[in-house]
Amino acid sequence: MNTFELAFDALMCHDTLDKIKLVNQLHTLKEQLALNYQSEYLISPVKNPGRPV
């Protein structure tokens, strides 16, 4: 599931416990995507040669 699907499902969900679970999944997915981005573009100067070391 992507972030947009999770966010939409959380908005449309009427059950509080299910909404909390969906929001937690959304936060986990967003954190994982942020870590993947950081490891690919911000940490490795080899993949991003324009970044000062």
PDB file of N, CA and C in Angstrom:
ATOM      1  N   MET A   1       0.847  -1.178   0.000  1.00  0.00           N
ATOM      2  CA  MET A   1       0.000   0.000   0.000  1.00  0.00           C
ATOM      3  C   MET A   1       0.893   1.241   0.000  1.00  0.00           C
ATOM      4  N   ASN A   2       0.472   2.271  -0.704  1.00  0.00           N
ATOM      5  CA  ASN A   2       1.270   3.492  -0.700  1.00  0.00           C
ATOM      6  C   ASN A   2       0.692   4.506   0.297  1.00  0.00           C
ATOM      7  N   THR A   3       1.381   5.609   0.455  1.00  0.00           N
ATOM      8  CA  THR A   3       0.982   6.588   1.471  1.00  0.00           C
ATOM      9  C   THR A   3      -0.383   7.198   1.166  1.00  0.00           C
ATOM     10  N   PHE A   4      -0.685   7.410  -0.117  1.00  0.00           N
ATOM     11  CA  PHE A   4      -1.967   8.016  -0.465  1.00  0.00           C
ATOM     12  C   PHE A   4      -3.131   7.083  -0.138  1.00  0.00           C
ATOM     13  N   GLU A   5      -2.966   5.791  -0.425  1.00  0.00           N
ATOM     14  CA  GLU A   5      -4.015   4.823  -0.104  1.00  0.00           C
ATOM     15  C   GLU A   5      -4.238   4.735   1.403  1.00  0.00           C
ATOM     16  N   LEU A   6      -3.145   4.698   2.155  1.00  0.00           N
ATOM     17  CA  LEU A   6      -3.271   4.630   3.615  1.00  0.00           C
ATOM     18  C   LEU A   6      -3.934   5.884   4.176  1.00  0.00           C
ATOM     19  N   ALA A   7      -3.539   7.045   3.677  1.00  0.00           N
ATOM     20  CA  ALA A   7      -4.123   8.295   4.161  1.00  0.00           C
ATOM     21  C   ALA A   7      -5.613   8.354   3.828  1.00  0.00           C
ATOM     22  N   PHE A   8      -5.980   7.945   2.623  1.00  0.00           N
ATOM     23  CA  PHE A   8      -7.386   7.950   2.229  1.00  0.00           C
ATOM     24  C   PHE A   8      -8.194   6.981   3.089  1.00  0.00           C
ATOM     25  N   ASP A   9      -7.660   5.778   3.278  1.00  0.00           N
ATOM     26  CA  ASP A   9      -8.358   4.795   4.106  1.00  0.00           C
ATOM     27  C   ASP A   9      -8.537   5.301   5.534  1.00  0.00           C
ATOM     28  N   ALA A  10      -7.516   5.973   6.071  1.00  0.00           N
ATOM     29  CA  ALA A  10      -7.614   6.513   7.428  1.00  0.00           C
ATOM     30  C   ALA A  10      -8.671   7.615   7.502  1.00  0.00           C
ATOM     31  N   LEU A  11      -8.744   8.441   6.467  1.00  0.00           N
ATOM     32  CA  LEU A  11      -9.751   9.504   6.458  1.00  0.00           C
ATOM     33  C   LEU A  11     -11.168   8.945   6.369  1.00  0.00           C
ATOM     34  N   MET A  12     -11.341   7.900   5.582  1.00  0.00           N
ATOM     35  CA  MET A  12     -12.674   7.357   5.340  1.00  0.00           C
ATOM     36  C   MET A  12     -13.122   6.356   6.403  1.00  0.00           C
ATOM     37  N   CYS A  13     -12.209   5.906   7.239  1.00  0.00           N
ATOM     38  CA  CYS A  13     -12.521   4.890   8.238  1.00  0.00           C
ATOM     39  C   CYS A  13     -13.329   5.507   9.380  1.00  0.00           C
ATOM     40  N   HIS A  14     -14.380   4.807   9.796  1.00  0.00           N
ATOM     41  CA  HIS A  14     -15.226   5.325  10.874  1.00  0.00           C
ATOM     42  C   HIS A  14     -14.919   4.673  12.218  1.00  0.00           C
ATOM     43  N   ASP A  15     -14.236   3.555  12.205  1.00  0.00           N
ATOM     44  CA  ASP A  15     -13.888   2.868  13.446  1.00  0.00           C
ATOM     45  C   ASP A  15     -12.591   3.454  13.999  1.00  0.00           C
ATOM     46  N   THR A  16     -12.631   3.907  15.228  1.00  0.00           N
ATOM     47  CA  THR A  16     -11.486   4.595  15.825  1.00  0.00           C
ATOM     48  C   THR A  16     -10.251   3.709  15.903  1.00  0.00           C
ATOM     49  N   LEU A  17     -10.416   2.462  16.319  1.00  0.00           N
ATOM     50  CA  LEU A  17      -9.255   1.579  16.441  1.00  0.00           C
ATOM     51  C   LEU A  17      -8.632   1.287  15.081  1.00  0.00           C
ATOM     52  N   ASP A  18      -9.468   1.072  14.069  1.00  0.00           N
ATOM     53  CA  ASP A  18      -8.938   0.844  12.726  1.00  0.00           C
ATOM     54  C   ASP A  18      -8.238   2.093  12.202  1.00  0.00           C
ATOM     55  N   LYS A  19      -8.797   3.266  12.522  1.00  0.00           N
ATOM     56  CA  LYS A  19      -8.179   4.524  12.095  1.00  0.00           C
ATOM     57  C   LYS A  19      -6.794   4.683  12.724  1.00  0.00           C
ATOM     58  N   ILE A  20      -6.677   4.347  14.007  1.00  0.00           N
ATOM     59  CA  ILE A  20      -5.385   4.437  14.694  1.00  0.00           C
ATOM     60  C   ILE A  20      -4.381   3.481  14.061  1.00  0.00           C
ATOM     61  N   LYS A  21      -4.817   2.268  13.756  1.00  0.00           N
ATOM     62  CA  LYS A  21      -3.927   1.296  13.114  1.00  0.00           C
ATOM     63  C   LYS A  21      -3.460   1.790  11.752  1.00  0.00           C
ATOM     64  N   LEU A  22      -4.377   2.361  10.969  1.00  0.00           N
ATOM     65  CA  LEU A  22      -4.012   2.872   9.648  1.00  0.00           C
ATOM     66  C   LEU A  22      -3.035   4.043   9.754  1.00  0.00           C
ATOM     67  N   VAL A  23      -3.269   4.933  10.713  1.00  0.00           N
ATOM     68  CA  VAL A  23      -2.366   6.079  10.893  1.00  0.00           C
ATOM     69  C   VAL A  23      -0.986   5.601  11.338  1.00  0.00           C
ATOM     70  N   ASN A  24      -0.938   4.608  12.214  1.00  0.00           N
ATOM     71  CA  ASN A  24       0.356   4.054  12.627  1.00  0.00           C
ATOM     72  C   ASN A  24       1.084   3.423  11.446  1.00  0.00           C
ATOM     73  N   GLN A  25       0.351   2.700  10.594  1.00  0.00           N
ATOM     74  CA  GLN A  25       0.960   2.122   9.392  1.00  0.00           C
ATOM     75  C   GLN A  25       1.484   3.223   8.481  1.00  0.00           C
ATOM     76  N   LEU A  26       0.720   4.300   8.364  1.00  0.00           N
ATOM     77  CA  LEU A  26       1.129   5.422   7.520  1.00  0.00           C
ATOM     78  C   LEU A  26       2.419   6.049   8.041  1.00  0.00           C
ATOM     79  N   HIS A  27       2.501   6.277   9.344  1.00  0.00           N
ATOM     80  CA  HIS A  27       3.719   6.855   9.924  1.00  0.00           C
ATOM     81  C   HIS A  27       4.914   5.928   9.730  1.00  0.00           C
ATOM     82  N   THR A  28       4.710   4.639   9.908  1.00  0.00           N
ATOM     83  CA  THR A  28       5.790   3.672   9.719  1.00  0.00           C
ATOM     84  C   THR A  28       6.273   3.682   8.278  1.00  0.00           C
ATOM     85  N   LEU A  29       5.342   3.701   7.339  1.00  0.00           N
ATOM     86  CA  LEU A  29       5.709   3.720   5.924  1.00  0.00           C
ATOM     87  C   LEU A  29       6.448   5.008   5.568  1.00  0.00           C
ATOM     88  N   LYS A  30       5.971   6.144   6.070  1.00  0.00           N
ATOM     89  CA  LYS A  30       6.635   7.411   5.781  1.00  0.00           C
ATOM     90  C   LYS A  30       8.045   7.455   6.368  1.00  0.00           C
ATOM     91  N   GLU A  31       8.225   6.910   7.566  1.00  0.00           N
ATOM     92  CA  GLU A  31       9.562   6.861   8.166  1.00  0.00           C
ATOM     93  C   GLU A  31      10.489   5.981   7.333  1.00  0.00           C
ATOM     94  N   GLN A  32       9.973   4.844   6.864  1.00  0.00           N
ATOM     95  CA  GLN A  32      10.785   3.943   6.052  1.00  0.00           C
ATOM     96  C   GLN A  32      11.165   4.599   4.727  1.00  0.00           C
ATOM     97  N   LEU A  33      10.221   5.297   4.105  1.00  0.00           N
ATOM     98  CA  LEU A  33      10.516   5.997   2.856  1.00  0.00           C
ATOM     99  C   LEU A  33      11.557   7.095   3.083  1.00  0.00           C
ATOM    100  N   ALA A  34      11.461   7.795   4.208  1.00  0.00           N
ATOM    101  CA  ALA A  34      12.438   8.842   4.516  1.00  0.00           C
ATOM    102  C   ALA A  34      13.820   8.241   4.734  1.00  0.00           C
ATOM    103  N   LEU A  35      13.896   7.124   5.443  1.00  0.00           N
ATOM    104  CA  LEU A  35      15.189   6.467   5.658  1.00  0.00           C
ATOM    105  C   LEU A  35      15.777   5.960   4.349  1.00  0.00           C
ATOM    106  N   ASN A  36      14.933   5.400   3.492  1.00  0.00           N
ATOM    107  CA  ASN A  36      15.409   4.937   2.190  1.00  0.00           C
ATOM    108  C   ASN A  36      15.958   6.099   1.378  1.00  0.00           C
ATOM    109  N   TYR A  37      15.263   7.239   1.399  1.00  0.00           N
ATOM    110  CA  TYR A  37      15.718   8.414   0.669  1.00  0.00           C
ATOM    111  C   TYR A  37      17.048   8.909   1.221  1.00  0.00           C
ATOM    112  N   GLN A  38      17.147   8.989   2.550  1.00  0.00           N
ATOM    113  CA  GLN A  38      18.383   9.466   3.163  1.00  0.00           C
ATOM    114  C   GLN A  38      19.551   8.558   2.822  1.00  0.00           C
ATOM    115  N   SER A  39      19.338   7.265   2.895  1.00  0.00           N
ATOM    116  CA  SER A  39      20.441   6.346   2.639  1.00  0.00           C
ATOM    117  C   SER A  39      20.856   6.377   1.176  1.00  0.00           C
ATOM    118  N   GLU A  40      19.906   6.664   0.288  1.00  0.00           N
ATOM    119  CA  GLU A  40      20.244   6.649  -1.134  1.00  0.00           C
ATOM    120  C   GLU A  40      20.845   7.965  -1.610  1.00  0.00           C
ATOM    121  N   TYR A  41      20.329   9.096  -1.129  1.00  0.00           N
ATOM    122  CA  TYR A  41      20.732  10.378  -1.696  1.00  0.00           C
ATOM    123  C   TYR A  41      21.555  11.267  -0.771  1.00  0.00           C
ATOM    124  N   LEU A  42      21.361  11.161   0.528  1.00  0.00           N
ATOM    125  CA  LEU A  42      22.010  12.120   1.415  1.00  0.00           C
ATOM    126  C   LEU A  42      23.272  11.590   2.075  1.00  0.00           C
ATOM    127  N   ILE A  43      23.350  10.303   2.308  1.00  0.00           N
ATOM    128  CA  ILE A  43      24.472   9.758   3.057  1.00  0.00           C
ATOM    129  C   ILE A  43      25.634   9.373   2.147  1.00  0.00           C
ATOM    130  N   SER A  44      25.337   8.827   0.979  1.00  0.00           N
ATOM    131  CA  SER A  44      26.383   8.309   0.112  1.00  0.00           C
ATOM    132  C   SER A  44      26.889   9.380  -0.853  1.00  0.00           C
ATOM    133  N   PRO A  45      28.119   9.893  -0.655  1.00  0.00           N
ATOM    134  CA  PRO A  45      28.659  10.880  -1.590  1.00  0.00           C
ATOM    135  C   PRO A  45      28.972  10.274  -2.955  1.00  0.00           C
ATOM    136  N   VAL A  46      29.104   8.944  -3.037  1.00  0.00           N
ATOM    137  CA  VAL A  46      29.380   8.300  -4.324  1.00  0.00           C
ATOM    138  C   VAL A  46      28.164   8.413  -5.234  1.00  0.00           C
ATOM    139  N   LYS A  47      26.963   8.207  -4.681  1.00  0.00           N
ATOM    140  CA  LYS A  47      25.749   8.308  -5.477  1.00  0.00           C
ATOM    141  C   LYS A  47      25.354   9.757  -5.720  1.00  0.00           C
ATOM    142  N   ASN A  48      25.846  10.660  -4.889  1.00  0.00           N
ATOM    143  CA  ASN A  48      25.509  12.066  -5.009  1.00  0.00           C
ATOM    144  C   ASN A  48      26.812  12.865  -5.025  1.00  0.00           C
ATOM    145  N   PRO A  49      27.521  12.852  -6.161  1.00  0.00           N
ATOM    146  CA  PRO A  49      28.854  13.466  -6.195  1.00  0.00           C
ATOM    147  C   PRO A  49      28.856  14.976  -5.983  1.00  0.00           C
ATOM    148  N   GLY A  50      27.726  15.653  -6.168  1.00  0.00           N
ATOM    149  CA  GLY A  50      27.686  17.094  -5.969  1.00  0.00           C
ATOM    150  C   GLY A  50      27.622  17.492  -4.509  1.00  0.00           C
ATOM    151  N   ARG A  51      27.397  16.538  -3.638  1.00  0.00           N
ATOM    152  CA  ARG A  51      27.280  16.827  -2.204  1.00  0.00           C
ATOM    153  C   ARG A  51      28.669  16.939  -1.585  1.00  0.00           C
ATOM    154  N   PRO A  52      28.940  18.033  -0.882  1.00  0.00           N
ATOM    155  CA  PRO A  52      30.248  18.154  -0.229  1.00  0.00           C
ATOM    156  C   PRO A  52      30.399  17.125   0.883  1.00  0.00           C
ATOM    157  N   VAL A  53      31.606  16.617   1.034  1.00  0.00           N
ATOM    158  CA  VAL A  53      31.869  15.575   2.036  1.00  0.00           C
ATOM    159  C   VAL A  53      32.234  16.202   3.354  1.00  0.00           C
TER     160      VAL A  53
END
